[in-house]
Amino acid sequence: MDDSKVVGGKVKKPGKRGRKPAKIDLKAKLERSRQSARECRARKKLRYQYLEELVSSRERAICALREELEMAPKEVNSNNNHVILQADATSTEPSDETLTLTL
């Protein structure tokens, strides 16, 4: 019995569709696969090194900002001690000499 089918005026035989796979040397295919895996691992290693350096630089920036933040109240207090207010008892309007700020 013939398993052929007539579709659109053409005879089609059952089986796989599309191109038949080319006969590839198994050793060459395995070597390409190994090489691809080596390259993938190398890219992954570079990516992780880059991310570790990025994290390290961000951590250093955070430490520097924290130190700056810790110093800010000290600087404000220091600057407040330098403000000299001179009140003129006879004048009710402030003049240029009434307030002296040194920063």
C-alpha atoms as a PDB file:
ATOM      1  CA  MET A   1       0.000   0.000   0.000  1.00  0.00           C
ATOM      2  CA  ASP A   2       1.331   3.466  -0.936  1.00  0.00           C
ATOM      3  CA  ASP A   3       1.447   6.112   1.817  1.00  0.00           C
ATOM      4  CA  SER A   4       1.686   8.971  -0.711  1.00  0.00           C
ATOM      5  CA  LYS A   5      -0.831  11.804  -0.585  1.00  0.00           C
ATOM      6  CA  VAL A   6      -1.974  14.017  -3.406  1.00  0.00           C
ATOM      7  CA  VAL A   7      -2.060  17.652  -2.297  1.00  0.00           C
ATOM      8  CA  GLY A   8      -2.654  20.451  -4.783  1.00  0.00           C
ATOM      9  CA  GLY A   9      -1.889  18.174  -7.715  1.00  0.00           C
ATOM     10  CA  LYS A  10       1.472  17.108  -6.273  1.00  0.00           C
ATOM     11  CA  VAL A  11       2.362  13.813  -4.734  1.00  0.00           C
ATOM     12  CA  LYS A  12       3.772  14.111  -1.207  1.00  0.00           C
ATOM     13  CA  LYS A  13       5.520  11.294   0.559  1.00  0.00           C
ATOM     14  CA  PRO A  14       5.389  10.956   4.349  1.00  0.00           C
ATOM     15  CA  GLY A  15       8.490  11.707   6.366  1.00  0.00           C
ATOM     16  CA  LYS A  16      10.449  14.630   7.692  1.00  0.00           C
ATOM     17  CA  ARG A  17       9.853  18.045   6.213  1.00  0.00           C
ATOM     18  CA  GLY A  18      12.549  20.475   5.112  1.00  0.00           C
ATOM     19  CA  ARG A  19      16.186  19.951   4.300  1.00  0.00           C
ATOM     20  CA  LYS A  20      17.931  16.823   5.335  1.00  0.00           C
ATOM     21  CA  PRO A  21      20.688  17.512   7.854  1.00  0.00           C
ATOM     22  CA  ALA A  22      24.164  17.387   6.402  1.00  0.00           C
ATOM     23  CA  LYS A  23      26.414  14.646   7.673  1.00  0.00           C
ATOM     24  CA  ILE A  24      28.662  16.449  10.157  1.00  0.00           C
ATOM     25  CA  ASP A  25      31.730  14.895  11.607  1.00  0.00           C
ATOM     26  CA  LEU A  26      30.858  14.157  15.233  1.00  0.00           C
ATOM     27  CA  LYS A  27      34.362  14.990  16.514  1.00  0.00           C
ATOM     28  CA  ALA A  28      34.329  18.394  14.806  1.00  0.00           C
ATOM     29  CA  LYS A  29      30.876  19.124  16.213  1.00  0.00           C
ATOM     30  CA  LEU A  30      32.002  18.221  19.743  1.00  0.00           C
ATOM     31  CA  GLU A  31      35.123  20.383  19.413  1.00  0.00           C
ATOM     32  CA  ARG A  32      33.033  23.373  18.262  1.00  0.00           C
ATOM     33  CA  SER A  33      30.733  22.812  21.210  1.00  0.00           C
ATOM     34  CA  ARG A  34      33.682  22.731  23.632  1.00  0.00           C
ATOM     35  CA  GLN A  35      35.158  25.878  22.102  1.00  0.00           C
ATOM     36  CA  SER A  36      31.829  27.651  22.368  1.00  0.00           C
ATOM     37  CA  ALA A  37      31.555  26.629  26.042  1.00  0.00           C
ATOM     38  CA  ARG A  38      35.096  27.933  26.735  1.00  0.00           C
ATOM     39  CA  GLU A  39      34.260  31.266  25.121  1.00  0.00           C
ATOM     40  CA  CYS A  40      31.008  31.488  27.078  1.00  0.00           C
ATOM     41  CA  ARG A  41      32.830  30.874  30.375  1.00  0.00           C
ATOM     42  CA  ALA A  42      35.446  33.503  29.477  1.00  0.00           C
ATOM     43  CA  ARG A  43      32.722  36.082  28.709  1.00  0.00           C
ATOM     44  CA  LYS A  44      30.977  35.229  31.972  1.00  0.00           C
ATOM     45  CA  LYS A  45      34.231  35.659  33.924  1.00  0.00           C
ATOM     46  CA  LEU A  46      34.847  39.081  32.339  1.00  0.00           C
ATOM     47  CA  ARG A  47      31.281  40.144  33.066  1.00  0.00           C
ATOM     48  CA  TYR A  48      31.608  39.157  36.741  1.00  0.00           C
ATOM     49  CA  GLN A  49      34.971  40.948  37.041  1.00  0.00           C
ATOM     50  CA  TYR A  50      33.411  44.093  35.575  1.00  0.00           C
ATOM     51  CA  LEU A  51      30.465  43.899  37.986  1.00  0.00           C
ATOM     52  CA  GLU A  52      32.766  43.317  40.974  1.00  0.00           C
ATOM     53  CA  GLU A  53      34.837  46.392  40.028  1.00  0.00           C
ATOM     54  CA  LEU A  54      31.642  48.414  39.626  1.00  0.00           C
ATOM     55  CA  VAL A  55      30.382  47.348  43.064  1.00  0.00           C
ATOM     56  CA  SER A  56      33.765  48.139  44.606  1.00  0.00           C
ATOM     57  CA  SER A  57      33.847  51.644  43.114  1.00  0.00           C
ATOM     58  CA  ARG A  58      30.282  52.311  44.266  1.00  0.00           C
ATOM     59  CA  GLU A  59      31.135  51.123  47.790  1.00  0.00           C
ATOM     60  CA  ARG A  60      34.104  53.517  47.878  1.00  0.00           C
ATOM     61  CA  ALA A  61      31.845  56.364  46.736  1.00  0.00           C
ATOM     62  CA  ILE A  62      29.325  55.494  49.459  1.00  0.00           C
ATOM     63  CA  CYS A  63      32.070  55.535  52.124  1.00  0.00           C
ATOM     64  CA  ALA A  64      33.306  58.920  50.910  1.00  0.00           C
ATOM     65  CA  LEU A  65      29.785  60.343  51.004  1.00  0.00           C
ATOM     66  CA  ARG A  66      29.200  58.964  54.505  1.00  0.00           C
ATOM     67  CA  GLU A  67      32.412  60.601  55.719  1.00  0.00           C
ATOM     68  CA  GLU A  68      31.325  63.862  54.116  1.00  0.00           C
ATOM     69  CA  LEU A  69      27.919  63.547  55.773  1.00  0.00           C
ATOM     70  CA  GLU A  70      29.538  62.937  59.170  1.00  0.00           C
ATOM     71  CA  MET A  71      31.682  66.048  58.729  1.00  0.00           C
ATOM     72  CA  ALA A  72      28.761  68.294  57.700  1.00  0.00           C
ATOM     73  CA  PRO A  73      27.328  68.917  61.225  1.00  0.00           C
ATOM     74  CA  LYS A  74      30.830  69.668  62.529  1.00  0.00           C
ATOM     75  CA  GLU A  75      31.375  72.197  59.749  1.00  0.00           C
ATOM     76  CA  VAL A  76      27.995  73.815  60.399  1.00  0.00           C
ATOM     77  CA  ASN A  77      28.786  74.163  64.112  1.00  0.00           C
ATOM     78  CA  SER A  78      32.214  75.540  63.262  1.00  0.00           C
ATOM     79  CA  ASN A  79      30.691  78.078  60.880  1.00  0.00           C
ATOM     80  CA  ASN A  80      28.081  79.092  63.459  1.00  0.00           C
ATOM     81  CA  ASN A  81      30.854  79.927  65.907  1.00  0.00           C
ATOM     82  CA  HIS A  82      32.349  82.356  63.382  1.00  0.00           C
ATOM     83  CA  VAL A  83      29.154  84.343  62.952  1.00  0.00           C
ATOM     84  CA  ILE A  84      29.510  87.550  64.829  1.00  0.00           C
ATOM     85  CA  LEU A  85      26.399  89.508  65.452  1.00  0.00           C
ATOM     86  CA  GLN A  86      26.867  93.111  66.384  1.00  0.00           C
ATOM     87  CA  ALA A  87      23.777  94.824  67.590  1.00  0.00           C
ATOM     88  CA  ASP A  88      23.660  98.552  67.354  1.00  0.00           C
ATOM     89  CA  ALA A  89      21.528  99.651  70.287  1.00  0.00           C
ATOM     90  CA  THR A  90      20.849 103.097  68.842  1.00  0.00           C
ATOM     91  CA  SER A  91      19.711 101.974  65.378  1.00  0.00           C
ATOM     92  CA  THR A  92      16.447 100.123  64.719  1.00  0.00           C
ATOM     93  CA  GLU A  93      17.184  99.475  61.043  1.00  0.00           C
ATOM     94  CA  PRO A  94      19.921  97.029  60.165  1.00  0.00           C
ATOM     95  CA  SER A  95      22.917  98.446  58.388  1.00  0.00           C
ATOM     96  CA  ASP A  96      25.849  96.811  56.560  1.00  0.00           C
ATOM     97  CA  GLU A  97      27.897  96.866  59.745  1.00  0.00           C
ATOM     98  CA  THR A  98      25.231  95.173  61.873  1.00  0.00           C
ATOM     99  CA  LEU A  99      25.794  91.637  60.589  1.00  0.00           C
ATOM    100  CA  THR A 100      29.243  90.256  59.818  1.00  0.00           C
ATOM    101  CA  LEU A 101      29.562  86.714  58.511  1.00  0.00           C
ATOM    102  CA  THR A 102      32.849  84.949  57.995  1.00  0.00           C
ATOM    103  CA  LEU A 103      32.721  81.587  56.251  1.00  0.00           C
END
